Amino acid sequence: VQLVESGGGLAQAGASLRLSCSASGRAFTSFAMAWFRQAPGKEREFVAGITWDGDNKDYLDSVKGRFTISRDNRRNTVSLQMDALIPEDAAVYYCAAGQPANADYVEKTASDYDYWGQGTQVTVSS
């Protein structure tokens, strides 16, 4: 499956951005989807994930209440609404797709995802 992210950019602290990821190539509903991010000098970290049917979601603790992940299985897209941005949210954000053993569970490890987008830069000014 091919993944293409869009929507990154520069935002002031407190503002919002919406990231989108468009998937193609294989049945979208067979994949759990997630967003990861990587800041300079840091490891890639899980931000948010959603199961194939959208029924289960999970988030990095520091983004809970500020970020919302959603998917549209008709349009083969997954989105990340990011509100109340803080400078610590600045990173390259990656969309990922995987097929976990338990389809009702959101995996948080990068190795559980087999397909990755090219990444989109999010910069937050204070």
PDB file of N, CA and C in Angstrom:
ATOM      1  N   VAL A   1       0.848  -1.185   0.000  1.00  0.00           N
ATOM      2  CA  VAL A   1       0.000   0.000   0.000  1.00  0.00           C
ATOM      3  C   VAL A   1       0.889   1.242   0.000  1.00  0.00           C
ATOM      4  N   GLN A   2       0.463   2.239  -0.754  1.00  0.00           N
ATOM      5  CA  GLN A   2       1.223   3.497  -0.821  1.00  0.00           C
ATOM      6  C   GLN A   2       0.517   4.553   0.023  1.00  0.00           C
ATOM      7  N   LEU A   3       1.301   5.285   0.782  1.00  0.00           N
ATOM      8  CA  LEU A   3       0.757   6.297   1.686  1.00  0.00           C
ATOM      9  C   LEU A   3       1.359   7.651   1.364  1.00  0.00           C
ATOM     10  N   VAL A   4       0.505   8.654   1.279  1.00  0.00           N
ATOM     11  CA  VAL A   4       0.969  10.008   0.984  1.00  0.00           C
ATOM     12  C   VAL A   4       0.357  10.964   1.996  1.00  0.00           C
ATOM     13  N   GLU A   5       1.227  11.632   2.763  1.00  0.00           N
ATOM     14  CA  GLU A   5       0.749  12.591   3.764  1.00  0.00           C
ATOM     15  C   GLU A   5       0.656  13.987   3.174  1.00  0.00           C
ATOM     16  N   SER A   6      -0.195  14.781   3.787  1.00  0.00           N
ATOM     17  CA  SER A   6      -0.307  16.192   3.428  1.00  0.00           C
ATOM     18  C   SER A   6      -0.800  16.959   4.642  1.00  0.00           C
ATOM     19  N   GLY A   7      -0.645  18.286   4.591  1.00  0.00           N
ATOM     20  CA  GLY A   7      -1.211  19.114   5.637  1.00  0.00           C
ATOM     21  C   GLY A   7      -0.243  19.669   6.643  1.00  0.00           C
ATOM     22  N   GLY A   8       1.010  19.298   6.563  1.00  0.00           N
ATOM     23  CA  GLY A   8       1.971  19.850   7.502  1.00  0.00           C
ATOM     24  C   GLY A   8       2.248  21.315   7.189  1.00  0.00           C
ATOM     25  N   GLY A   9       3.043  21.932   8.044  1.00  0.00           N
ATOM     26  CA  GLY A   9       3.397  23.324   7.826  1.00  0.00           C
ATOM     27  C   GLY A   9       3.797  23.993   9.110  1.00  0.00           C
ATOM     28  N   LEU A  10       3.740  25.321   9.085  1.00  0.00           N
ATOM     29  CA  LEU A  10       4.123  26.139  10.230  1.00  0.00           C
ATOM     30  C   LEU A  10       2.878  26.652  10.934  1.00  0.00           C
ATOM     31  N   ALA A  11       2.850  26.522  12.250  1.00  0.00           N
ATOM     32  CA  ALA A  11       1.734  27.025  13.039  1.00  0.00           C
ATOM     33  C   ALA A  11       2.274  27.663  14.306  1.00  0.00           C
ATOM     34  N   GLN A  12       1.537  28.619  14.808  1.00  0.00           N
ATOM     35  CA  GLN A  12       1.897  29.213  16.084  1.00  0.00           C
ATOM     36  C   GLN A  12       1.414  28.329  17.223  1.00  0.00           C
ATOM     37  N   ALA A  13       2.064  28.440  18.346  1.00  0.00           N
ATOM     38  CA  ALA A  13       1.613  27.710  19.535  1.00  0.00           C
ATOM     39  C   ALA A  13       0.166  28.082  19.829  1.00  0.00           C
ATOM     40  N   GLY A  14      -0.626  27.063  20.112  1.00  0.00           N
ATOM     41  CA  GLY A  14      -2.043  27.274  20.374  1.00  0.00           C
ATOM     42  C   GLY A  14      -2.937  27.109  19.162  1.00  0.00           C
ATOM     43  N   ALA A  15      -2.341  27.092  17.987  1.00  0.00           N
ATOM     44  CA  ALA A  15      -3.108  26.961  16.760  1.00  0.00           C
ATOM     45  C   ALA A  15      -3.360  25.485  16.426  1.00  0.00           C
ATOM     46  N   SER A  16      -3.996  25.265  15.284  1.00  0.00           N
ATOM     47  CA  SER A  16      -4.366  23.910  14.861  1.00  0.00           C
ATOM     48  C   SER A  16      -3.803  23.609  13.477  1.00  0.00           C
ATOM     49  N   LEU A  17      -3.549  22.349  13.248  1.00  0.00           N
ATOM     50  CA  LEU A  17      -3.218  21.831  11.923  1.00  0.00           C
ATOM     51  C   LEU A  17      -3.944  20.508  11.751  1.00  0.00           C
ATOM     52  N   ARG A  18      -4.215  20.184  10.507  1.00  0.00           N
ATOM     53  CA  ARG A  18      -4.841  18.895  10.203  1.00  0.00           C
ATOM     54  C   ARG A  18      -3.983  18.173   9.190  1.00  0.00           C
ATOM     55  N   LEU A  19      -3.532  16.988   9.550  1.00  0.00           N
ATOM     56  CA  LEU A  19      -2.766  16.154   8.645  1.00  0.00           C
ATOM     57  C   LEU A  19      -3.688  15.127   8.012  1.00  0.00           C
ATOM     58  N   SER A  20      -3.426  14.831   6.756  1.00  0.00           N
ATOM     59  CA  SER A  20      -4.181  13.796   6.059  1.00  0.00           C
ATOM     60  C   SER A  20      -3.222  12.810   5.420  1.00  0.00           C
ATOM     61  N   CYS A  21      -3.682  11.591   5.286  1.00  0.00           N
ATOM     62  CA  CYS A  21      -2.898  10.532   4.653  1.00  0.00           C
ATOM     63  C   CYS A  21      -3.809   9.792   3.693  1.00  0.00           C
ATOM     64  N   SER A  22      -3.408   9.722   2.461  1.00  0.00           N
ATOM     65  CA  SER A  22      -4.183   9.029   1.445  1.00  0.00           C
ATOM     66  C   SER A  22      -3.508   7.702   1.127  1.00  0.00           C
ATOM     67  N   ALA A  23      -4.293   6.627   1.124  1.00  0.00           N
ATOM     68  CA  ALA A  23      -3.758   5.294   0.892  1.00  0.00           C
ATOM     69  C   ALA A  23      -4.245   4.747  -0.436  1.00  0.00           C
ATOM     70  N   SER A  24      -3.386   3.983  -1.097  1.00  0.00           N
ATOM     71  CA  SER A  24      -3.776   3.342  -2.347  1.00  0.00           C
ATOM     72  C   SER A  24      -3.023   2.039  -2.498  1.00  0.00           C
ATOM     73  N   GLY A  25      -3.558   1.160  -3.305  1.00  0.00           N
ATOM     74  CA  GLY A  25      -2.846  -0.063  -3.653  1.00  0.00           C
ATOM     75  C   GLY A  25      -3.431  -1.337  -3.104  1.00  0.00           C
ATOM     76  N   ARG A  26      -4.005  -1.313  -1.912  1.00  0.00           N
ATOM     77  CA  ARG A  26      -4.597  -2.508  -1.324  1.00  0.00           C
ATOM     78  C   ARG A  26      -5.822  -2.109  -0.524  1.00  0.00           C
ATOM     79  N   ALA A  27      -6.610  -3.090  -0.145  1.00  0.00           N
ATOM     80  CA  ALA A  27      -7.843  -2.833   0.593  1.00  0.00           C
ATOM     81  C   ALA A  27      -7.543  -2.071   1.884  1.00  0.00           C
ATOM     82  N   PHE A  28      -8.018  -0.841   1.936  1.00  0.00           N
ATOM     83  CA  PHE A  28      -7.721   0.040   3.064  1.00  0.00           C
ATOM     84  C   PHE A  28      -8.252  -0.523   4.366  1.00  0.00           C
ATOM     85  N   THR A  29      -9.391  -1.177   4.315  1.00  0.00           N
ATOM     86  CA  THR A  29     -10.009  -1.671   5.539  1.00  0.00           C
ATOM     87  C   THR A  29      -9.277  -2.869   6.139  1.00  0.00           C
ATOM     88  N   SER A  30      -8.285  -3.398   5.451  1.00  0.00           N
ATOM     89  CA  SER A  30      -7.515  -4.492   6.028  1.00  0.00           C
ATOM     90  C   SER A  30      -6.371  -3.980   6.899  1.00  0.00           C
ATOM     91  N   PHE A  31      -6.255  -2.662   7.004  1.00  0.00           N
ATOM     92  CA  PHE A  31      -5.129  -2.077   7.727  1.00  0.00           C
ATOM     93  C   PHE A  31      -5.557  -1.247   8.925  1.00  0.00           C
ATOM     94  N   ALA A  32      -4.832  -1.431  10.018  1.00  0.00           N
ATOM     95  CA  ALA A  32      -4.851  -0.444  11.086  1.00  0.00           C
ATOM     96  C   ALA A  32      -3.947   0.695  10.648  1.00  0.00           C
ATOM     97  N   MET A  33      -4.253   1.891  11.104  1.00  0.00           N
ATOM     98  CA  MET A  33      -3.489   3.061  10.693  1.00  0.00           C
ATOM     99  C   MET A  33      -2.968   3.801  11.918  1.00  0.00           C
ATOM    100  N   ALA A  34      -1.874   4.501  11.735  1.00  0.00           N
ATOM    101  CA  ALA A  34      -1.297   5.239  12.846  1.00  0.00           C
ATOM    102  C   ALA A  34      -0.502   6.428  12.346  1.00  0.00           C
ATOM    103  N   TRP A  35      -0.275   7.348  13.251  1.00  0.00           N
ATOM    104  CA  TRP A  35       0.626   8.465  13.025  1.00  0.00           C
ATOM    105  C   TRP A  35       1.776   8.352  14.023  1.00  0.00           C
ATOM    106  N   PHE A  36       2.973   8.493  13.512  1.00  0.00           N
ATOM    107  CA  PHE A  36       4.179   8.576  14.324  1.00  0.00           C
ATOM    108  C   PHE A  36       4.839   9.925  14.039  1.00  0.00           C
ATOM    109  N   ARG A  37       5.759  10.305  14.900  1.00  0.00           N
ATOM    110  CA  ARG A  37       6.513  11.520  14.645  1.00  0.00           C
ATOM    111  C   ARG A  37       7.962  11.339  15.089  1.00  0.00           C
ATOM    112  N   GLN A  38       8.822  12.124  14.470  1.00  0.00           N
ATOM    113  CA  GLN A  38      10.226  12.077  14.830  1.00  0.00           C
ATOM    114  C   GLN A  38      10.807  13.476  14.788  1.00  0.00           C
ATOM    115  N   ALA A  39      11.286  13.918  15.925  1.00  0.00           N
ATOM    116  CA  ALA A  39      11.947  15.215  16.037  1.00  0.00           C
ATOM    117  C   ALA A  39      13.456  15.013  15.883  1.00  0.00           C
ATOM    118  N   PRO A  40      14.177  16.045  15.514  1.00  0.00           N
ATOM    119  CA  PRO A  40      15.633  15.922  15.331  1.00  0.00           C
ATOM    120  C   PRO A  40      16.316  15.392  16.591  1.00  0.00           C
ATOM    121  N   GLY A  41      17.136  14.378  16.423  1.00  0.00           N
ATOM    122  CA  GLY A  41      17.874  13.816  17.540  1.00  0.00           C
ATOM    123  C   GLY A  41      17.072  12.899  18.441  1.00  0.00           C
ATOM    124  N   LYS A  42      15.815  12.649  18.082  1.00  0.00           N
ATOM    125  CA  LYS A  42      14.967  11.800  18.916  1.00  0.00           C
ATOM    126  C   LYS A  42      14.496  10.587  18.128  1.00  0.00           C
ATOM    127  N   GLU A  43      14.065   9.579  18.869  1.00  0.00           N
ATOM    128  CA  GLU A  43      13.537   8.402  18.223  1.00  0.00           C
ATOM    129  C   GLU A  43      12.119   8.655  17.711  1.00  0.00           C
ATOM    130  N   ARG A  44      11.733   7.859  16.723  1.00  0.00           N
ATOM    131  CA  ARG A  44      10.368   7.951  16.221  1.00  0.00           C
ATOM    132  C   ARG A  44       9.420   7.472  17.310  1.00  0.00           C
ATOM    133  N   GLU A  45       8.331   8.219  17.530  1.00  0.00           N
ATOM    134  CA  GLU A  45       7.391   7.851  18.579  1.00  0.00           C
ATOM    135  C   GLU A  45       5.969   7.782  18.055  1.00  0.00           C
ATOM    136  N   PHE A  46       5.208   6.895  18.647  1.00  0.00           N
ATOM    137  CA  PHE A  46       3.787   6.735  18.334  1.00  0.00           C
ATOM    138  C   PHE A  46       3.038   7.971  18.805  1.00  0.00           C
ATOM    139  N   VAL A  47       2.142   8.462  17.966  1.00  0.00           N
ATOM    140  CA  VAL A  47       1.313   9.616  18.316  1.00  0.00           C
ATOM    141  C   VAL A  47      -0.148   9.208  18.474  1.00  0.00           C
ATOM    142  N   ALA A  48      -0.671   8.502  17.493  1.00  0.00           N
ATOM    143  CA  ALA A  48      -2.081   8.107  17.526  1.00  0.00           C
ATOM    144  C   ALA A  48      -2.287   6.931  16.591  1.00  0.00           C
ATOM    145  N   GLY A  49      -3.235   6.073  16.943  1.00  0.00           N
ATOM    146  CA  GLY A  49      -3.541   4.927  16.106  1.00  0.00           C
ATOM    147  C   GLY A  49      -5.029   4.643  16.101  1.00  0.00           C
ATOM    148  N   ILE A  50      -5.475   3.951  15.063  1.00  0.00           N
ATOM    149  CA  ILE A  50      -6.897   3.643  14.907  1.00  0.00           C
ATOM    150  C   ILE A  50      -7.026   2.278  14.247  1.00  0.00           C
ATOM    151  N   THR A  51      -7.959   1.477  14.745  1.00  0.00           N
ATOM    152  CA  THR A  51      -8.173   0.157  14.166  1.00  0.00           C
ATOM    153  C   THR A  51      -8.871   0.255  12.823  1.00  0.00           C
ATOM    154  N   TRP A  52      -8.951  -0.882  12.129  1.00  0.00           N
ATOM    155  CA  TRP A  52      -9.434  -0.870  10.755  1.00  0.00           C
ATOM    156  C   TRP A  52     -10.845  -0.308  10.625  1.00  0.00           C
ATOM    157  N   ASP A  53     -11.666  -0.520  11.665  1.00  0.00           N
ATOM    158  CA  ASP A  53     -13.053  -0.086  11.584  1.00  0.00           C
ATOM    159  C   ASP A  53     -13.282   1.258  12.274  1.00  0.00           C
ATOM    160  N   GLY A  54     -12.243   1.820  12.849  1.00  0.00           N
ATOM    161  CA  GLY A  54     -12.383   3.104  13.523  1.00  0.00           C
ATOM    162  C   GLY A  54     -12.938   3.009  14.924  1.00  0.00           C
ATOM    163  N   ASP A  55     -13.216   1.796  15.400  1.00  0.00           N
ATOM    164  CA  ASP A  55     -13.861   1.648  16.704  1.00  0.00           C
ATOM    165  C   ASP A  55     -12.913   1.879  17.873  1.00  0.00           C
ATOM    166  N   ASN A  56     -11.652   1.618  17.665  1.00  0.00           N
ATOM    167  CA  ASN A  56     -10.686   1.775  18.747  1.00  0.00           C
ATOM    168  C   ASN A  56      -9.579   2.732  18.345  1.00  0.00           C
ATOM    169  N   LYS A  57      -9.235   3.639  19.266  1.00  0.00           N
ATOM    170  CA  LYS A  57      -8.197   4.623  19.042  1.00  0.00           C
ATOM    171  C   LYS A  57      -7.312   4.694  20.272  1.00  0.00           C
ATOM    172  N   ASP A  58      -6.098   5.118  20.082  1.00  0.00           N
ATOM    173  CA  ASP A  58      -5.211   5.316  21.215  1.00  0.00           C
ATOM    174  C   ASP A  58      -4.254   6.447  20.889  1.00  0.00           C
ATOM    175  N   TYR A  59      -3.734   7.069  21.946  1.00  0.00           N
ATOM    176  CA  TYR A  59      -2.925   8.273  21.764  1.00  0.00           C
ATOM    177  C   TYR A  59      -1.719   8.276  22.702  1.00  0.00           C
ATOM    178  N   LEU A  60      -0.700   8.969  22.267  1.00  0.00           N
ATOM    179  CA  LEU A  60       0.406   9.300  23.151  1.00  0.00           C
ATOM    180  C   LEU A  60      -0.154  10.182  24.275  1.00  0.00           C
ATOM    181  N   ASP A  61       0.279   9.929  25.497  1.00  0.00           N
ATOM    182  CA  ASP A  61      -0.286  10.664  26.625  1.00  0.00           C
ATOM    183  C   ASP A  61      -0.226  12.176  26.441  1.00  0.00           C
ATOM    184  N   SER A  62       0.858  12.667  25.907  1.00  0.00           N
ATOM    185  CA  SER A  62       1.044  14.121  25.816  1.00  0.00           C
ATOM    186  C   SER A  62       0.150  14.782  24.774  1.00  0.00           C
ATOM    187  N   VAL A  63      -0.515  14.002  23.927  1.00  0.00           N
ATOM    188  CA  VAL A  63      -1.410  14.600  22.935  1.00  0.00           C
ATOM    189  C   VAL A  63      -2.880  14.311  23.219  1.00  0.00           C
ATOM    190  N   LYS A  64      -3.143  13.508  24.234  1.00  0.00           N
ATOM    191  CA  LYS A  64      -4.537  13.202  24.569  1.00  0.00           C
ATOM    192  C   LYS A  64      -5.299  14.480  24.900  1.00  0.00           C
ATOM    193  N   GLY A  65      -6.485  14.602  24.329  1.00  0.00           N
ATOM    194  CA  GLY A  65      -7.292  15.805  24.534  1.00  0.00           C
ATOM    195  C   GLY A  65      -6.973  16.927  23.565  1.00  0.00           C
ATOM    196  N   ARG A  66      -5.868  16.803  22.819  1.00  0.00           N
ATOM    197  CA  ARG A  66      -5.495  17.835  21.842  1.00  0.00           C
ATOM    198  C   ARG A  66      -5.537  17.304  20.407  1.00  0.00           C
ATOM    199  N   PHE A  67      -5.188  16.043  20.225  1.00  0.00           N
ATOM    200  CA  PHE A  67      -5.144  15.446  18.882  1.00  0.00           C
ATOM    201  C   PHE A  67      -6.294  14.454  18.739  1.00  0.00           C
ATOM    202  N   THR A  68      -6.803  14.345  17.516  1.00  0.00           N
ATOM    203  CA  THR A  68      -7.862  13.383  17.218  1.00  0.00           C
ATOM    204  C   THR A  68      -7.552  12.681  15.918  1.00  0.00           C
ATOM    205  N   ILE A  69      -7.543  11.364  15.955  1.00  0.00           N
ATOM    206  CA  ILE A  69      -7.329  10.575  14.741  1.00  0.00           C
ATOM    207  C   ILE A  69      -8.678  10.082  14.237  1.00  0.00           C
ATOM    208  N   SER A  70      -8.819  10.051  12.927  1.00  0.00           N
ATOM    209  CA  SER A  70     -10.057   9.557  12.323  1.00  0.00           C
ATOM    210  C   SER A  70      -9.712   8.941  10.978  1.00  0.00           C
ATOM    211  N   ARG A  71     -10.624   8.142  10.472  1.00  0.00           N
ATOM    212  CA  ARG A  71     -10.428   7.543   9.160  1.00  0.00           C
ATOM    213  C   ARG A  71     -11.734   7.536   8.391  1.00  0.00           C
ATOM    214  N   ASP A  72     -11.604   7.569   7.072  1.00  0.00           N
ATOM    215  CA  ASP A  72     -12.750   7.471   6.169  1.00  0.00           C
ATOM    216  C   ASP A  72     -12.474   6.312   5.237  1.00  0.00           C
ATOM    217  N   ASN A  73     -13.105   5.200   5.498  1.00  0.00           N
ATOM    218  CA  ASN A  73     -12.841   3.994   4.712  1.00  0.00           C
ATOM    219  C   ASN A  73     -13.428   4.056   3.307  1.00  0.00           C
ATOM    220  N   ARG A  74     -14.308   4.984   3.055  1.00  0.00           N
ATOM    221  CA  ARG A  74     -14.813   5.166   1.694  1.00  0.00           C
ATOM    222  C   ARG A  74     -13.812   5.924   0.838  1.00  0.00           C
ATOM    223  N   ARG A  75     -13.073   6.827   1.451  1.00  0.00           N
ATOM    224  CA  ARG A  75     -12.115   7.658   0.733  1.00  0.00           C
ATOM    225  C   ARG A  75     -10.674   7.201   0.922  1.00  0.00           C
ATOM    226  N   ASN A  76     -10.482   6.122   1.694  1.00  0.00           N
ATOM    227  CA  ASN A  76      -9.137   5.579   1.934  1.00  0.00           C
ATOM    228  C   ASN A  76      -8.195   6.628   2.529  1.00  0.00           C
ATOM    229  N   THR A  77      -8.699   7.329   3.510  1.00  0.00           N
ATOM    230  CA  THR A  77      -7.886   8.358   4.142  1.00  0.00           C
ATOM    231  C   THR A  77      -7.910   8.226   5.659  1.00  0.00           C
ATOM    232  N   VAL A  78      -6.847   8.689   6.273  1.00  0.00           N
ATOM    233  CA  VAL A  78      -6.772   8.807   7.715  1.00  0.00           C
ATOM    234  C   VAL A  78      -6.268  10.209   8.020  1.00  0.00           C
ATOM    235  N   SER A  79      -6.818  10.812   9.059  1.00  0.00           N
ATOM    236  CA  SER A  79      -6.484  12.193   9.372  1.00  0.00           C
ATOM    237  C   SER A  79      -6.051  12.327  10.824  1.00  0.00           C
ATOM    238  N   LEU A  80      -5.311  13.375  11.085  1.00  0.00           N
ATOM    239  CA  LEU A  80      -4.915  13.704  12.445  1.00  0.00           C
ATOM    240  C   LEU A  80      -5.197  15.189  12.658  1.00  0.00           C
ATOM    241  N   GLN A  81      -6.212  15.475  13.441  1.00  0.00           N
ATOM    242  CA  GLN A  81      -6.534  16.849  13.799  1.00  0.00           C
ATOM    243  C   GLN A  81      -5.707  17.213  15.023  1.00  0.00           C
ATOM    244  N   MET A  82      -4.892  18.245  14.893  1.00  0.00           N
ATOM    245  CA  MET A  82      -3.997  18.639  15.971  1.00  0.00           C
ATOM    246  C   MET A  82      -4.391  20.031  16.448  1.00  0.00           C
ATOM    247  N   ASP A  83      -4.882  20.115  17.650  1.00  0.00           N
ATOM    248  CA  ASP A  83      -5.306  21.383  18.245  1.00  0.00           C
ATOM    249  C   ASP A  83      -4.371  21.755  19.392  1.00  0.00           C
ATOM    250  N   ALA A  84      -4.412  23.023  19.764  1.00  0.00           N
ATOM    251  CA  ALA A  84      -3.613  23.510  20.889  1.00  0.00           C
ATOM    252  C   ALA A  84      -2.156  23.070  20.767  1.00  0.00           C
ATOM    253  N   LEU A  85      -1.587  23.292  19.606  1.00  0.00           N
ATOM    254  CA  LEU A  85      -0.217  22.864  19.353  1.00  0.00           C
ATOM    255  C   LEU A  85       0.765  23.554  20.299  1.00  0.00           C
ATOM    256  N   ILE A  86       1.774  22.819  20.664  1.00  0.00           N
ATOM    257  CA  ILE A  86       2.856  23.337  21.498  1.00  0.00           C
ATOM    258  C   ILE A  86       4.178  23.097  20.766  1.00  0.00           C
ATOM    259  N   PRO A  87       5.222  23.847  21.097  1.00  0.00           N
ATOM    260  CA  PRO A  87       6.499  23.678  20.384  1.00  0.00           C
ATOM    261  C   PRO A  87       7.026  22.248  20.404  1.00  0.00           C
ATOM    262  N   GLU A  88       6.709  21.513  21.460  1.00  0.00           N
ATOM    263  CA  GLU A  88       7.177  20.122  21.565  1.00  0.00           C
ATOM    264  C   GLU A  88       6.515  19.203  20.540  1.00  0.00           C
ATOM    265  N   ASP A  89       5.473  19.671  19.879  1.00  0.00           N
ATOM    266  CA  ASP A  89       4.829  18.863  18.840  1.00  0.00           C
ATOM    267  C   ASP A  89       5.567  18.935  17.511  1.00  0.00           C
ATOM    268  N   ALA A  90       6.517  19.821  17.391  1.00  0.00           N
ATOM    269  CA  ALA A  90       7.249  19.978  16.138  1.00  0.00           C
ATOM    270  C   ALA A  90       8.040  18.722  15.811  1.00  0.00           C
ATOM    271  N   ALA A  91       7.856  18.222  14.603  1.00  0.00           N
ATOM    272  CA  ALA A  91       8.512  16.985  14.179  1.00  0.00           C
ATOM    273  C   ALA A  91       8.113  16.691  12.745  1.00  0.00           C
ATOM    274  N   VAL A  92       8.720  15.673  12.188  1.00  0.00           N
ATOM    275  CA  VAL A  92       8.212  15.103  10.946  1.00  0.00           C
ATOM    276  C   VAL A  92       7.188  14.044  11.329  1.00  0.00           C
ATOM    277  N   TYR A  93       6.005  14.146  10.767  1.00  0.00           N
ATOM    278  CA  TYR A  93       4.922  13.232  11.078  1.00  0.00           C
ATOM    279  C   TYR A  93       4.771  12.218   9.945  1.00  0.00           C
ATOM    280  N   TYR A  94       4.673  10.962  10.330  1.00  0.00           N
ATOM    281  CA  TYR A  94       4.575   9.869   9.377  1.00  0.00           C
ATOM    282  C   TYR A  94       3.258   9.114   9.546  1.00  0.00           C
ATOM    283  N   CYS A  95       2.656   8.799   8.446  1.00  0.00           N
ATOM    284  CA  CYS A  95       1.482   7.932   8.405  1.00  0.00           C
ATOM    285  C   CYS A  95       1.978   6.497   8.224  1.00  0.00           C
ATOM    286  N   ALA A  96       1.342   5.556   8.916  1.00  0.00           N
ATOM    287  CA  ALA A  96       1.769   4.168   8.834  1.00  0.00           C
ATOM    288  C   ALA A  96       0.566   3.241   8.763  1.00  0.00           C
ATOM    289  N   ALA A  97       0.748   2.114   8.087  1.00  0.00           N
ATOM    290  CA  ALA A  97      -0.310   1.108   7.951  1.00  0.00           C
ATOM    291  C   ALA A  97       0.235  -0.253   8.360  1.00  0.00           C
ATOM    292  N   GLY A  98      -0.575  -1.009   9.069  1.00  0.00           N
ATOM    293  CA  GLY A  98      -0.149  -2.330   9.494  1.00  0.00           C
ATOM    294  C   GLY A  98      -1.326  -3.263   9.658  1.00  0.00           C
ATOM    295  N   GLN A  99      -1.015  -4.540   9.810  1.00  0.00           N
ATOM    296  CA  GLN A  99      -2.044  -5.565   9.992  1.00  0.00           C
ATOM    297  C   GLN A  99      -1.735  -6.327  11.276  1.00  0.00           C
ATOM    298  N   PRO A 100      -2.181  -5.799  12.420  1.00  0.00           N
ATOM    299  CA  PRO A 100      -1.853  -6.434  13.695  1.00  0.00           C
ATOM    300  C   PRO A 100      -2.547  -7.768  13.861  1.00  0.00           C
ATOM    301  N   ALA A 101      -1.967  -8.601  14.720  1.00  0.00           N
ATOM    302  CA  ALA A 101      -2.552  -9.915  14.986  1.00  0.00           C
ATOM    303  C   ALA A 101      -3.935  -9.775  15.614  1.00  0.00           C
ATOM    304  N   ASN A 102      -4.091  -8.779  16.481  1.00  0.00           N
ATOM    305  CA  ASN A 102      -5.386  -8.498  17.089  1.00  0.00           C
ATOM    306  C   ASN A 102      -5.952  -7.253  16.427  1.00  0.00           C
ATOM    307  N   ALA A 103      -6.941  -7.435  15.593  1.00  0.00           N
ATOM    308  CA  ALA A 103      -7.485  -6.326  14.805  1.00  0.00           C
ATOM    309  C   ALA A 103      -8.213  -5.291  15.654  1.00  0.00           C
ATOM    310  N   ASP A 104      -8.513  -5.639  16.907  1.00  0.00           N
ATOM    311  CA  ASP A 104      -9.239  -4.720  17.780  1.00  0.00           C
ATOM    312  C   ASP A 104      -8.318  -3.946  18.716  1.00  0.00           C
ATOM    313  N   TYR A 105      -7.023  -4.079  18.512  1.00  0.00           N
ATOM    314  CA  TYR A 105      -6.051  -3.457  19.404  1.00  0.00           C
ATOM    315  C   TYR A 105      -5.167  -2.501  18.619  1.00  0.00           C
ATOM    316  N   VAL A 106      -4.877  -1.351  19.210  1.00  0.00           N
ATOM    317  CA  VAL A 106      -4.016  -0.372  18.560  1.00  0.00           C
ATOM    318  C   VAL A 106      -2.570  -0.618  18.979  1.00  0.00           C
ATOM    319  N   GLU A 107      -1.752  -1.009  18.026  1.00  0.00           N
ATOM    320  CA  GLU A 107      -0.340  -1.239  18.293  1.00  0.00           C
ATOM    321  C   GLU A 107       0.394   0.104  18.327  1.00  0.00           C
ATOM    322  N   LYS A 108       1.392   0.206  19.208  1.00  0.00           N
ATOM    323  CA  LYS A 108       2.103   1.468  19.376  1.00  0.00           C
ATOM    324  C   LYS A 108       3.575   1.386  18.990  1.00  0.00           C
ATOM    325  N   THR A 109       3.981   0.245  18.466  1.00  0.00           N
ATOM    326  CA  THR A 109       5.381   0.052  18.112  1.00  0.00           C
ATOM    327  C   THR A 109       5.569   0.174  16.613  1.00  0.00           C
ATOM    328  N   ALA A 110       6.606   0.910  16.205  1.00  0.00           N
ATOM    329  CA  ALA A 110       6.813   1.152  14.785  1.00  0.00           C
ATOM    330  C   ALA A 110       6.973  -0.145  13.994  1.00  0.00           C
ATOM    331  N   SER A 111       7.575  -1.145  14.605  1.00  0.00           N
ATOM    332  CA  SER A 111       7.805  -2.404  13.897  1.00  0.00           C
ATOM    333  C   SER A 111       6.514  -3.154  13.594  1.00  0.00           C
ATOM    334  N   ASP A 112       5.409  -2.756  14.200  1.00  0.00           N
ATOM    335  CA  ASP A 112       4.113  -3.381  13.915  1.00  0.00           C
ATOM    336  C   ASP A 112       3.475  -2.836  12.646  1.00  0.00           C
ATOM    337  N   TYR A 113       4.085  -1.832  12.053  1.00  0.00           N
ATOM    338  CA  TYR A 113       3.553  -1.214  10.848  1.00  0.00           C
ATOM    339  C   TYR A 113       4.503  -1.459   9.675  1.00  0.00           C
ATOM    340  N   ASP A 114       3.930  -1.926   8.582  1.00  0.00           N
ATOM    341  CA  ASP A 114       4.744  -2.363   7.446  1.00  0.00           C
ATOM    342  C   ASP A 114       4.893  -1.313   6.362  1.00  0.00           C
ATOM    343  N   TYR A 115       3.991  -0.364   6.320  1.00  0.00           N
ATOM    344  CA  TYR A 115       3.995   0.620   5.242  1.00  0.00           C
ATOM    345  C   TYR A 115       4.035   2.022   5.843  1.00  0.00           C
ATOM    346  N   TRP A 116       4.827   2.872   5.209  1.00  0.00           N
ATOM    347  CA  TRP A 116       5.054   4.216   5.730  1.00  0.00           C
ATOM    348  C   TRP A 116       4.986   5.252   4.613  1.00  0.00           C
ATOM    349  N   GLY A 117       4.484   6.419   4.972  1.00  0.00           N
ATOM    350  CA  GLY A 117       4.542   7.538   4.062  1.00  0.00           C
ATOM    351  C   GLY A 117       5.899   8.215   4.124  1.00  0.00           C
ATOM    352  N   GLN A 118       6.060   9.263   3.330  1.00  0.00           N
ATOM    353  CA  GLN A 118       7.337   9.948   3.247  1.00  0.00           C
ATOM    354  C   GLN A 118       7.525  10.965   4.364  1.00  0.00           C
ATOM    355  N   GLY A 119       6.464  11.289   5.062  1.00  0.00           N
ATOM    356  CA  GLY A 119       6.540  12.227   6.168  1.00  0.00           C
ATOM    357  C   GLY A 119       6.176  13.642   5.763  1.00  0.00           C
ATOM    358  N   THR A 120       5.645  14.385   6.714  1.00  0.00           N
ATOM    359  CA  THR A 120       5.312  15.786   6.497  1.00  0.00           C
ATOM    360  C   THR A 120       5.779  16.586   7.717  1.00  0.00           C
ATOM    361  N   GLN A 121       6.398  17.711   7.459  1.00  0.00           N
ATOM    362  CA  GLN A 121       6.998  18.503   8.522  1.00  0.00           C
ATOM    363  C   GLN A 121       5.949  19.356   9.217  1.00  0.00           C
ATOM    364  N   VAL A 122       5.981  19.330  10.536  1.00  0.00           N
ATOM    365  CA  VAL A 122       5.164  20.227  11.356  1.00  0.00           C
ATOM    366  C   VAL A 122       6.106  21.071  12.194  1.00  0.00           C
ATOM    367  N   THR A 123       5.981  22.373  12.071  1.00  0.00           N
ATOM    368  CA  THR A 123       6.795  23.314  12.834  1.00  0.00           C
ATOM    369  C   THR A 123       5.865  24.177  13.669  1.00  0.00           C
ATOM    370  N   VAL A 124       6.200  24.340  14.941  1.00  0.00           N
ATOM    371  CA  VAL A 124       5.367  25.126  15.849  1.00  0.00           C
ATOM    372  C   VAL A 124       6.217  26.235  16.447  1.00  0.00           C
ATOM    373  N   SER A 125       5.798  27.463  16.225  1.00  0.00           N
ATOM    374  CA  SER A 125       6.542  28.601  16.761  1.00  0.00           C
ATOM    375  C   SER A 125       5.929  29.045  18.086  1.00  0.00           C
ATOM    376  N   SER A 126       6.785  29.438  18.999  1.00  0.00           N
ATOM    377  CA  SER A 126       6.303  29.859  20.325  1.00  0.00           C
ATOM    378  C   SER A 126       6.040  31.352  20.382  1.00  0.00           C
TER     379      SER A 126
END
